[in-house]
PDB file of N, CA and C in Angstrom:
ATOM      1  N   MET A   1      95.660 108.452  66.098  1.00  0.00           N
ATOM      2  CA  MET A   1      95.487 108.210  67.507  1.00  0.00           C
ATOM      3  C   MET A   1      94.680 109.375  68.088  1.00  0.00           C
ATOM      4  N   THR A   2      93.666 109.053  68.855  1.00  0.00           N
ATOM      5  CA  THR A   2      92.808 110.094  69.405  1.00  0.00           C
ATOM      6  C   THR A   2      93.485 110.762  70.604  1.00  0.00           C
ATOM      7  N   ALA A   3      92.972 111.920  70.967  1.00  0.00           N
ATOM      8  CA  ALA A   3      93.518 112.662  72.103  1.00  0.00           C
ATOM      9  C   ALA A   3      93.355 111.865  73.402  1.00  0.00           C
ATOM     10  N   ALA A   4      92.254 111.146  73.546  1.00  0.00           N
ATOM     11  CA  ALA A   4      92.037 110.349  74.750  1.00  0.00           C
ATOM     12  C   ALA A   4      93.068 109.223  74.851  1.00  0.00           C
ATOM     13  N   THR A   5      93.432 108.633  73.722  1.00  0.00           N
ATOM     14  CA  THR A   5      94.441 107.582  73.712  1.00  0.00           C
ATOM     15  C   THR A   5      95.803 108.141  74.084  1.00  0.00           C
ATOM     16  N   VAL A   6      96.141 109.300  73.522  1.00  0.00           N
ATOM     17  CA  VAL A   6      97.403 109.957  73.856  1.00  0.00           C
ATOM     18  C   VAL A   6      97.444 110.277  75.353  1.00  0.00           C
ATOM     19  N   CYS A   7      96.338 110.765  75.868  1.00  0.00           N
ATOM     20  CA  CYS A   7      96.231 111.078  77.290  1.00  0.00           C
ATOM     21  C   CYS A   7      96.477 109.826  78.136  1.00  0.00           C
ATOM     22  N   ALA A   8      95.852 108.726  77.779  1.00  0.00           N
ATOM     23  CA  ALA A   8      96.012 107.481  78.528  1.00  0.00           C
ATOM     24  C   ALA A   8      97.453 106.984  78.478  1.00  0.00           C
ATOM     25  N   LEU A   9      98.088 107.066  77.312  1.00  0.00           N
ATOM     26  CA  LEU A   9      99.478 106.631  77.182  1.00  0.00           C
ATOM     27  C   LEU A   9     100.421 107.525  77.983  1.00  0.00           C
ATOM     28  N   LEU A  10     100.167 108.828  77.972  1.00  0.00           N
ATOM     29  CA  LEU A  10     100.986 109.742  78.768  1.00  0.00           C
ATOM     30  C   LEU A  10     100.824 109.473  80.260  1.00  0.00           C
ATOM     31  N   LEU A  11      99.583 109.199  80.690  1.00  0.00           N
ATOM     32  CA  LEU A  11      99.353 108.864  82.099  1.00  0.00           C
ATOM     33  C   LEU A  11     100.069 107.573  82.482  1.00  0.00           C
ATOM     34  N   LEU A  12     100.027 106.598  81.608  1.00  0.00           N
ATOM     35  CA  LEU A  12     100.709 105.340  81.872  1.00  0.00           C
ATOM     36  C   LEU A  12     102.221 105.556  81.958  1.00  0.00           C
ATOM     37  N   ALA A  13     102.778 106.322  81.026  1.00  0.00           N
ATOM     38  CA  ALA A  13     104.218 106.605  81.055  1.00  0.00           C
ATOM     39  C   ALA A  13     104.595 107.366  82.324  1.00  0.00           C
ATOM     40  N   ALA A  14     103.801 108.367  82.681  1.00  0.00           N
ATOM     41  CA  ALA A  14     104.072 109.123  83.908  1.00  0.00           C
ATOM     42  C   ALA A  14     104.001 108.217  85.123  1.00  0.00           C
ATOM     43  N   GLY A  15     103.018 107.327  85.152  1.00  0.00           N
ATOM     44  CA  GLY A  15     102.879 106.402  86.268  1.00  0.00           C
ATOM     45  C   GLY A  15     104.052 105.444  86.386  1.00  0.00           C
ATOM     46  N   LEU A  16     104.539 104.950  85.253  1.00  0.00           N
ATOM     47  CA  LEU A  16     105.692 104.051  85.272  1.00  0.00           C
ATOM     48  C   LEU A  16     106.941 104.748  85.792  1.00  0.00           C
ATOM     49  N   VAL A  17     107.197 105.947  85.285  1.00  0.00           N
ATOM     50  CA  VAL A  17     108.384 106.691  85.720  1.00  0.00           C
ATOM     51  C   VAL A  17     108.245 107.081  87.189  1.00  0.00           C
ATOM     52  N   HIS A  18     107.047 107.498  87.583  1.00  0.00           N
ATOM     53  CA  HIS A  18     106.793 107.888  88.973  1.00  0.00           C
ATOM     54  C   HIS A  18     107.017 106.701  89.914  1.00  0.00           C
ATOM     55  N   SER A  19     106.447 105.563  89.592  1.00  0.00           N
ATOM     56  CA  SER A  19     106.614 104.378  90.441  1.00  0.00           C
ATOM     57  C   SER A  19     108.071 103.935  90.509  1.00  0.00           C
ATOM     58  N   ALA A  20     108.743 103.925  89.372  1.00  0.00           N
ATOM     59  CA  ALA A  20     110.153 103.515  89.349  1.00  0.00           C
ATOM     60  C   ALA A  20     111.006 104.466  90.190  1.00  0.00           C
ATOM     61  N   SER A  21     110.797 105.746  90.026  1.00  0.00           N
ATOM     62  CA  SER A  21     111.566 106.730  90.774  1.00  0.00           C
ATOM     63  C   SER A  21     111.301 106.608  92.275  1.00  0.00           C
ATOM     64  N   PHE A  22     110.041 106.508  92.637  1.00  0.00           N
ATOM     65  CA  PHE A  22     109.667 106.406  94.047  1.00  0.00           C
ATOM     66  C   PHE A  22     110.259 105.155  94.684  1.00  0.00           C
ATOM     67  N   MET A  23     110.114 104.032  94.010  1.00  0.00           N
ATOM     68  CA  MET A  23     110.571 102.773  94.591  1.00  0.00           C
ATOM     69  C   MET A  23     112.091 102.686  94.637  1.00  0.00           C
ATOM     70  N   CYS A  24     112.771 103.174  93.608  1.00  0.00           N
ATOM     71  CA  CYS A  24     114.235 103.137  93.608  1.00  0.00           C
ATOM     72  C   CYS A  24     114.806 104.069  94.674  1.00  0.00           C
ATOM     73  N   ARG A  25     114.162 105.194  94.875  1.00  0.00           N
ATOM     74  CA  ARG A  25     114.633 106.140  95.881  1.00  0.00           C
ATOM     75  C   ARG A  25     114.532 105.543  97.289  1.00  0.00           C
ATOM     76  N   LYS A  26     113.580 104.645  97.506  1.00  0.00           N
ATOM     77  CA  LYS A  26     113.394 104.006  98.813  1.00  0.00           C
ATOM     78  C   LYS A  26     114.425 102.906  99.084  1.00  0.00           C
ATOM     79  N   LEU A  27     115.004 102.372  98.025  1.00  0.00           N
ATOM     80  CA  LEU A  27     115.948 101.266  98.186  1.00  0.00           C
ATOM     81  C   LEU A  27     117.277 101.752  98.764  1.00  0.00           C
ATOM     82  N   PRO A  28     117.965 100.887  99.525  1.00  0.00           N
ATOM     83  CA  PRO A  28     119.328 101.226  99.942  1.00  0.00           C
ATOM     84  C   PRO A  28     120.234 101.348  98.709  1.00  0.00           C
ATOM     85  N   LEU A  29     121.261 102.158  98.798  1.00  0.00           N
ATOM     86  CA  LEU A  29     122.138 102.415  97.641  1.00  0.00           C
ATOM     87  C   LEU A  29     122.648 101.147  96.952  1.00  0.00           C
ATOM     88  N   PRO A  30     123.089 100.119  97.682  1.00  0.00           N
ATOM     89  CA  PRO A  30     123.591  98.933  96.975  1.00  0.00           C
ATOM     90  C   PRO A  30     122.517  98.179  96.190  1.00  0.00           C
ATOM     91  N   ARG A  31     121.253  98.331  96.544  1.00  0.00           N
ATOM     92  CA  ARG A  31     120.166  97.611  95.867  1.00  0.00           C
ATOM     93  C   ARG A  31     119.569  98.389  94.705  1.00  0.00           C
ATOM     94  N   ARG A  32     119.952  99.644  94.528  1.00  0.00           N
ATOM     95  CA  ARG A  32     119.384 100.434  93.428  1.00  0.00           C
ATOM     96  C   ARG A  32     119.897  99.907  92.092  1.00  0.00           C
ATOM     97  N   PRO A  33     119.017  99.858  91.084  1.00  0.00           N
ATOM     98  CA  PRO A  33     119.449  99.349  89.771  1.00  0.00           C
ATOM     99  C   PRO A  33     120.454 100.301  89.112  1.00  0.00           C
ATOM    100  N   ASP A  34     121.222  99.762  88.182  1.00  0.00           N
ATOM    101  CA  ASP A  34     122.248 100.552  87.493  1.00  0.00           C
ATOM    102  C   ASP A  34     121.656 101.696  86.674  1.00  0.00           C
ATOM    103  N   TRP A  35     120.449 101.509  86.156  1.00  0.00           N
ATOM    104  CA  TRP A  35     119.860 102.532  85.294  1.00  0.00           C
ATOM    105  C   TRP A  35     119.327 103.726  86.089  1.00  0.00           C
ATOM    106  N   TYR A  36     119.175 103.568  87.401  1.00  0.00           N
ATOM    107  CA  TYR A  36     118.656 104.671  88.220  1.00  0.00           C
ATOM    108  C   TYR A  36     119.762 105.701  88.434  1.00  0.00           C
ATOM    109  N   PRO A  37     119.453 106.995  88.233  1.00  0.00           N
ATOM    110  CA  PRO A  37     120.488 108.030  88.362  1.00  0.00           C
ATOM    111  C   PRO A  37     121.134 108.031  89.751  1.00  0.00           C
ATOM    112  N   LYS A  38     122.438 108.261  89.776  1.00  0.00           N
ATOM    113  CA  LYS A  38     123.189 108.265  91.034  1.00  0.00           C
ATOM    114  C   LYS A  38     123.194 109.642  91.699  1.00  0.00           C
ATOM    115  N   ARG A  39     123.280 110.700  90.899  1.00  0.00           N
ATOM    116  CA  ARG A  39     123.391 112.055  91.451  1.00  0.00           C
ATOM    117  C   ARG A  39     122.017 112.647  91.715  1.00  0.00           C
ATOM    118  N   PRO A  40     121.892 113.436  92.790  1.00  0.00           N
ATOM    119  CA  PRO A  40     120.605 114.054  93.133  1.00  0.00           C
ATOM    120  C   PRO A  40     120.018 114.920  92.013  1.00  0.00           C
ATOM    121  N   PHE A  41     120.885 115.630  91.275  1.00  0.00           N
ATOM    122  CA  PHE A  41     120.388 116.456  90.176  1.00  0.00           C
ATOM    123  C   PHE A  41     119.699 115.601  89.113  1.00  0.00           C
ATOM    124  N   GLU A  42     120.295 114.471  88.786  1.00  0.00           N
ATOM    125  CA  GLU A  42     119.701 113.575  87.786  1.00  0.00           C
ATOM    126  C   GLU A  42     118.411 112.943  88.305  1.00  0.00           C
ATOM    127  N   GLN A  43     118.359 112.643  89.595  1.00  0.00           N
ATOM    128  CA  GLN A  43     117.135 112.120  90.194  1.00  0.00           C
ATOM    129  C   GLN A  43     116.018 113.159  90.127  1.00  0.00           C
ATOM    130  N   THR A  44     116.386 114.408  90.339  1.00  0.00           N
ATOM    131  CA  THR A  44     115.403 115.493  90.235  1.00  0.00           C
ATOM    132  C   THR A  44     114.890 115.614  88.807  1.00  0.00           C
ATOM    133  N   LEU A  45     115.779 115.485  87.823  1.00  0.00           N
ATOM    134  CA  LEU A  45     115.342 115.524  86.421  1.00  0.00           C
ATOM    135  C   LEU A  45     114.391 114.378  86.102  1.00  0.00           C
ATOM    136  N   LEU A  46     114.658 113.201  86.658  1.00  0.00           N
ATOM    137  CA  LEU A  46     113.761 112.067  86.456  1.00  0.00           C
ATOM    138  C   LEU A  46     112.385 112.370  87.045  1.00  0.00           C
ATOM    139  N   ASP A  47     112.369 112.951  88.235  1.00  0.00           N
ATOM    140  CA  ASP A  47     111.096 113.323  88.856  1.00  0.00           C
ATOM    141  C   ASP A  47     110.380 114.402  88.049  1.00  0.00           C
ATOM    142  N   LEU A  48     111.120 115.353  87.527  1.00  0.00           N
ATOM    143  CA  LEU A  48     110.498 116.390  86.693  1.00  0.00           C
ATOM    144  C   LEU A  48     109.912 115.808  85.416  1.00  0.00           C
ATOM    145  N   SER A  49     110.509 114.722  84.911  1.00  0.00           N
ATOM    146  CA  SER A  49     109.983 114.115  83.685  1.00  0.00           C
ATOM    147  C   SER A  49     108.581 113.553  83.911  1.00  0.00           C
ATOM    148  N   TRP A  50     108.356 112.834  85.030  1.00  0.00           N
ATOM    149  CA  TRP A  50     107.007 112.301  85.250  1.00  0.00           C
ATOM    150  C   TRP A  50     106.028 113.417  85.576  1.00  0.00           C
ATOM    151  N   ILE A  51     106.494 114.466  86.231  1.00  0.00           N
ATOM    152  CA  ILE A  51     105.603 115.592  86.519  1.00  0.00           C
ATOM    153  C   ILE A  51     105.171 116.265  85.221  1.00  0.00           C
ATOM    154  N   CYS A  52     106.111 116.459  84.300  1.00  0.00           N
ATOM    155  CA  CYS A  52     105.771 117.070  83.001  1.00  0.00           C
ATOM    156  C   CYS A  52     104.813 116.184  82.207  1.00  0.00           C
ATOM    157  N   LEU A  53     105.057 114.880  82.206  1.00  0.00           N
ATOM    158  CA  LEU A  53     104.147 113.961  81.512  1.00  0.00           C
ATOM    159  C   LEU A  53     102.753 114.013  82.122  1.00  0.00           C
ATOM    160  N   LEU A  54     102.683 114.079  83.449  1.00  0.00           N
ATOM    161  CA  LEU A  54     101.388 114.145  84.126  1.00  0.00           C
ATOM    162  C   LEU A  54     100.662 115.447  83.792  1.00  0.00           C
ATOM    163  N   ILE A  55     101.363 116.557  83.820  1.00  0.00           N
ATOM    164  CA  ILE A  55     100.742 117.851  83.493  1.00  0.00           C
ATOM    165  C   ILE A  55     100.249 117.853  82.056  1.00  0.00           C
ATOM    166  N   TRP A  56     101.049 117.312  81.154  1.00  0.00           N
ATOM    167  CA  TRP A  56     100.659 117.243  79.741  1.00  0.00           C
ATOM    168  C   TRP A  56      99.391 116.395  79.594  1.00  0.00           C
ATOM    169  N   ALA A  57      99.375 115.234  80.227  1.00  0.00           N
ATOM    170  CA  ALA A  57      98.208 114.349  80.140  1.00  0.00           C
ATOM    171  C   ALA A  57      96.975 114.997  80.761  1.00  0.00           C
ATOM    172  N   MET A  58      97.138 115.633  81.902  1.00  0.00           N
ATOM    173  CA  MET A  58      95.991 116.281  82.556  1.00  0.00           C
ATOM    174  C   MET A  58      95.468 117.442  81.719  1.00  0.00           C
ATOM    175  N   GLY A  59      96.368 118.149  81.068  1.00  0.00           N
ATOM    176  CA  GLY A  59      95.938 119.221  80.178  1.00  0.00           C
ATOM    177  C   GLY A  59      95.055 118.689  79.054  1.00  0.00           C
ATOM    178  N   ILE A  60      95.478 117.591  78.466  1.00  0.00           N
ATOM    179  CA  ILE A  60      94.672 116.978  77.402  1.00  0.00           C
ATOM    180  C   ILE A  60      93.331 116.504  77.964  1.00  0.00           C
ATOM    181  N   ALA A  61      93.376 115.833  79.112  1.00  0.00           N
ATOM    182  CA  ALA A  61      92.152 115.270  79.695  1.00  0.00           C
ATOM    183  C   ALA A  61      91.148 116.374  80.034  1.00  0.00           C
ATOM    184  N   PHE A  62      91.600 117.442  80.674  1.00  0.00           N
ATOM    185  CA  PHE A  62      90.678 118.507  81.044  1.00  0.00           C
ATOM    186  C   PHE A  62      90.185 119.296  79.831  1.00  0.00           C
ATOM    187  N   ARG A  63      90.997 119.360  78.754  1.00  0.00           N
ATOM    188  CA  ARG A  63      90.513 119.995  77.525  1.00  0.00           C
ATOM    189  C   ARG A  63      89.418 119.168  76.864  1.00  0.00           C
ATOM    190  N   LEU A  64      89.523 117.844  76.989  1.00  0.00           N
ATOM    191  CA  LEU A  64      88.495 116.983  76.409  1.00  0.00           C
ATOM    192  C   LEU A  64      87.201 117.060  77.208  1.00  0.00           C
ATOM    193  N   SER A  65      87.329 117.011  78.545  1.00  0.00           N
ATOM    194  CA  SER A  65      86.149 117.021  79.398  1.00  0.00           C
ATOM    195  C   SER A  65      86.591 117.170  80.848  1.00  0.00           C
ATOM    196  N   THR A  66      85.847 117.972  81.595  1.00  0.00           N
ATOM    197  CA  THR A  66      86.143 118.128  83.017  1.00  0.00           C
ATOM    198  C   THR A  66      85.976 116.798  83.745  1.00  0.00           C
ATOM    199  N   THR A  67      84.958 116.068  83.398  1.00  0.00           N
ATOM    200  CA  THR A  67      84.727 114.763  84.004  1.00  0.00           C
ATOM    201  C   THR A  67      85.885 113.817  83.713  1.00  0.00           C
ATOM    202  N   LEU A  68      86.348 113.809  82.471  1.00  0.00           N
ATOM    203  CA  LEU A  68      87.483 112.964  82.095  1.00  0.00           C
ATOM    204  C   LEU A  68      88.733 113.390  82.855  1.00  0.00           C
ATOM    205  N   GLY A  69      88.913 114.676  83.040  1.00  0.00           N
ATOM    206  CA  GLY A  69      90.071 115.172  83.777  1.00  0.00           C
ATOM    207  C   GLY A  69      90.084 114.681  85.215  1.00  0.00           C
ATOM    208  N   PHE A  70      88.945 114.776  85.897  1.00  0.00           N
ATOM    209  CA  PHE A  70      88.874 114.303  87.279  1.00  0.00           C
ATOM    210  C   PHE A  70      88.978 112.784  87.360  1.00  0.00           C
ATOM    211  N   ALA A  71      88.433 112.100  86.379  1.00  0.00           N
ATOM    212  CA  ALA A  71      88.570 110.636  86.337  1.00  0.00           C
ATOM    213  C   ALA A  71      90.030 110.252  86.137  1.00  0.00           C
ATOM    214  N   ALA A  72      90.734 110.972  85.263  1.00  0.00           N
ATOM    215  CA  ALA A  72      92.153 110.701  85.031  1.00  0.00           C
ATOM    216  C   ALA A  72      92.970 110.952  86.298  1.00  0.00           C
ATOM    217  N   LEU A  73      92.654 112.001  87.030  1.00  0.00           N
ATOM    218  CA  LEU A  73      93.342 112.265  88.296  1.00  0.00           C
ATOM    219  C   LEU A  73      93.136 111.133  89.289  1.00  0.00           C
ATOM    220  N   ALA A  74      91.907 110.681  89.409  1.00  0.00           N
ATOM    221  CA  ALA A  74      91.599 109.588  90.333  1.00  0.00           C
ATOM    222  C   ALA A  74      92.322 108.312  89.918  1.00  0.00           C
ATOM    223  N   ILE A  75      92.300 108.016  88.641  1.00  0.00           N
ATOM    224  CA  ILE A  75      92.972 106.814  88.148  1.00  0.00           C
ATOM    225  C   ILE A  75      94.472 106.911  88.413  1.00  0.00           C
ATOM    226  N   TYR A  76      95.051 108.073  88.153  1.00  0.00           N
ATOM    227  CA  TYR A  76      96.498 108.228  88.316  1.00  0.00           C
ATOM    228  C   TYR A  76      96.924 108.059  89.773  1.00  0.00           C
ATOM    229  N   PHE A  77      96.222 108.712  90.679  1.00  0.00           N
ATOM    230  CA  PHE A  77      96.668 108.726  92.069  1.00  0.00           C
ATOM    231  C   PHE A  77      96.103 107.584  92.920  1.00  0.00           C
ATOM    232  N   ILE A  78      95.049 106.920  92.462  1.00  0.00           N
ATOM    233  CA  ILE A  78      94.454 105.846  93.260  1.00  0.00           C
ATOM    234  C   ILE A  78      94.683 104.480  92.618  1.00  0.00           C
ATOM    235  N   ALA A  79      94.340 104.331  91.353  1.00  0.00           N
ATOM    236  CA  ALA A  79      94.398 103.008  90.722  1.00  0.00           C
ATOM    237  C   ALA A  79      95.792 102.634  90.212  1.00  0.00           C
ATOM    238  N   LEU A  80      96.493 103.561  89.566  1.00  0.00           N
ATOM    239  CA  LEU A  80      97.781 103.207  88.966  1.00  0.00           C
ATOM    240  C   LEU A  80      98.829 102.726  89.967  1.00  0.00           C
ATOM    241  N   PRO A  81      98.951 103.335  91.151  1.00  0.00           N
ATOM    242  CA  PRO A  81      99.946 102.788  92.089  1.00  0.00           C
ATOM    243  C   PRO A  81      99.692 101.319  92.434  1.00  0.00           C
ATOM    244  N   PHE A  82      98.418 100.946  92.613  1.00  0.00           N
ATOM    245  CA  PHE A  82      98.096  99.554  92.914  1.00  0.00           C
ATOM    246  C   PHE A  82      98.383  98.645  91.717  1.00  0.00           C
ATOM    247  N   ALA A  83      98.242  99.176  90.527  1.00  0.00           N
ATOM    248  CA  ALA A  83      98.468  98.365  89.329  1.00  0.00           C
ATOM    249  C   ALA A  83      99.948  98.274  88.951  1.00  0.00           C
ATOM    250  N   LEU A  84     100.719  99.340  89.193  1.00  0.00           N
ATOM    251  CA  LEU A  84     102.090  99.384  88.693  1.00  0.00           C
ATOM    252  C   LEU A  84     103.156  98.961  89.698  1.00  0.00           C
ATOM    253  N   GLN A  85     102.921  99.148  90.978  1.00  0.00           N
ATOM    254  CA  GLN A  85     103.983  98.876  91.937  1.00  0.00           C
ATOM    255  C   GLN A  85     104.296  97.390  92.131  1.00  0.00           C
ATOM    256  N   PRO A  86     103.322  96.470  92.127  1.00  0.00           N
ATOM    257  CA  PRO A  86     103.713  95.050  92.214  1.00  0.00           C
ATOM    258  C   PRO A  86     104.592  94.575  91.053  1.00  0.00           C
ATOM    259  N   PRO A  87     104.253  94.887  89.788  1.00  0.00           N
ATOM    260  CA  PRO A  87     105.164  94.468  88.712  1.00  0.00           C
ATOM    261  C   PRO A  87     106.505  95.205  88.769  1.00  0.00           C
ATOM    262  N   MET A  88     106.488  96.465  89.227  1.00  0.00           N
ATOM    263  CA  MET A  88     107.734  97.215  89.336  1.00  0.00           C
ATOM    264  C   MET A  88     108.653  96.563  90.376  1.00  0.00           C
ATOM    265  N   ALA A  89     108.083  96.079  91.468  1.00  0.00           N
ATOM    266  CA  ALA A  89     108.887  95.383  92.484  1.00  0.00           C
ATOM    267  C   ALA A  89     109.538  94.141  91.882  1.00  0.00           C
ATOM    268  N   ARG A  90     108.803  93.403  91.060  1.00  0.00           N
ATOM    269  CA  ARG A  90     109.380  92.224  90.412  1.00  0.00           C
ATOM    270  C   ARG A  90     110.471  92.617  89.428  1.00  0.00           C
ATOM    271  N   LEU A  91     110.279  93.717  88.705  1.00  0.00           N
ATOM    272  CA  LEU A  91     111.315  94.184  87.779  1.00  0.00           C
ATOM    273  C   LEU A  91     112.576  94.621  88.518  1.00  0.00           C
ATOM    274  N   LEU A  92     112.424  95.056  89.755  1.00  0.00           N
ATOM    275  CA  LEU A  92     113.578  95.465  90.553  1.00  0.00           C
ATOM    276  C   LEU A  92     114.251  94.282  91.243  1.00  0.00           C
ATOM    277  N   GLY A  93     113.765  93.073  90.985  1.00  0.00           N
ATOM    278  CA  GLY A  93     114.416  91.874  91.493  1.00  0.00           C
ATOM    279  C   GLY A  93     113.839  91.304  92.772  1.00  0.00           C
ATOM    280  N   PHE A  94     112.657  91.724  93.164  1.00  0.00           N
ATOM    281  CA  PHE A  94     112.021  91.207  94.370  1.00  0.00           C
ATOM    282  C   PHE A  94     110.993  90.154  93.985  1.00  0.00           C
ATOM    283  N   ARG A  95     110.705  89.261  94.926  1.00  0.00           N
ATOM    284  CA  ARG A  95     109.694  88.227  94.657  1.00  0.00           C
ATOM    285  C   ARG A  95     108.325  88.848  94.430  1.00  0.00           C
ATOM    286  N   ASN A  96     108.016  89.848  95.254  1.00  0.00           N
ATOM    287  CA  ASN A  96     106.725  90.522  95.152  1.00  0.00           C
ATOM    288  C   ASN A  96     106.823  91.863  95.886  1.00  0.00           C
ATOM    289  N   LEU A  97     105.739  92.590  95.932  1.00  0.00           N
ATOM    290  CA  LEU A  97     105.737  93.904  96.578  1.00  0.00           C
ATOM    291  C   LEU A  97     105.990  93.773  98.075  1.00  0.00           C
ATOM    292  N   ARG A  98     105.468  92.722  98.702  1.00  0.00           N
ATOM    293  CA  ARG A  98     105.679  92.519 100.142  1.00  0.00           C
ATOM    294  C   ARG A  98     107.162  92.382 100.455  1.00  0.00           C
ATOM    295  N   HIS A  99     107.903  91.636  99.620  1.00  0.00           N
ATOM    296  CA  HIS A  99     109.346  91.463  99.803  1.00  0.00           C
ATOM    297  C   HIS A  99     110.048  92.823  99.705  1.00  0.00           C
ATOM    298  N   PHE A 100     109.666  93.649  98.759  1.00  0.00           N
ATOM    299  CA  PHE A 100     110.213  94.998  98.622  1.00  0.00           C
ATOM    300  C   PHE A 100     109.930  95.817  99.882  1.00  0.00           C
ATOM    301  N   LEU A 101     108.678  95.792 100.333  1.00  0.00           N
ATOM    302  CA  LEU A 101     108.291  96.576 101.504  1.00  0.00           C
ATOM    303  C   LEU A 101     109.007  96.103 102.763  1.00  0.00           C
ATOM    304  N   ASP A 102     109.218  94.809 102.892  1.00  0.00           N
ATOM    305  CA  ASP A 102     109.949  94.294 104.050  1.00  0.00           C
ATOM    306  C   ASP A 102     111.371  94.835 104.088  1.00  0.00           C
ATOM    307  N   LEU A 103     112.030  94.877 102.927  1.00  0.00           N
ATOM    308  CA  LEU A 103     113.391  95.408 102.876  1.00  0.00           C
ATOM    309  C   LEU A 103     113.414  96.896 103.194  1.00  0.00           C
ATOM    310  N   VAL A 104     112.483  97.635 102.621  1.00  0.00           N
ATOM    311  CA  VAL A 104     112.445  99.074 102.838  1.00  0.00           C
ATOM    312  C   VAL A 104     112.111  99.389 104.296  1.00  0.00           C
ATOM    313  N   ASP A 105     111.160  98.673 104.862  1.00  0.00           N
ATOM    314  CA  ASP A 105     110.765  98.912 106.256  1.00  0.00           C
ATOM    315  C   ASP A 105     111.870  98.505 107.230  1.00  0.00           C
ATOM    316  N   LYS A 106     112.642  97.486 106.872  1.00  0.00           N
ATOM    317  CA  LYS A 106     113.725  97.043 107.730  1.00  0.00           C
ATOM    318  C   LYS A 106     114.778  98.144 107.884  1.00  0.00           C
ATOM    319  N   GLY A 107     114.991  98.907 106.837  1.00  0.00           N
ATOM    320  CA  GLY A 107     115.967  99.994 106.880  1.00  0.00           C
ATOM    321  C   GLY A 107     115.540 101.145 107.782  1.00  0.00           C
ATOM    322  N   LYS A 108     114.238 101.280 108.052  1.00  0.00           N
ATOM    323  CA  LYS A 108     113.741 102.377 108.895  1.00  0.00           C
ATOM    324  C   LYS A 108     113.834 102.044 110.377  1.00  0.00           C
ATOM    325  N   GLY A 109     113.756 100.760 110.707  1.00  0.00           N
ATOM    326  CA  GLY A 109     113.686 100.372 112.105  1.00  0.00           C
ATOM    327  C   GLY A 109     115.006 100.075 112.649  1.00  0.00           C
TER     328      GLY A 109
END
């Protein structure tokens, strides 16, 4: 497996964990899935896991090429949220991302 492939897989894993953590944290406590950590310390460890994966992937990307590193950053922060959050909403039991957002926004108002 090439370094670029490892980098892409690490970015994908970081994006999945990041999206899951972000979306579960927004949900009301009764709607959070069983696999999501209950204690704040465990939630922090989950967040640190995606941060470590992202740093590892960015290190590989920037070692391969500065251009690849900046492209990976753009993909991670711009493209991956749009690609991962709709399926993540369905995995969390919502019809679609709009249904998830309606529930989350309802809790704020």
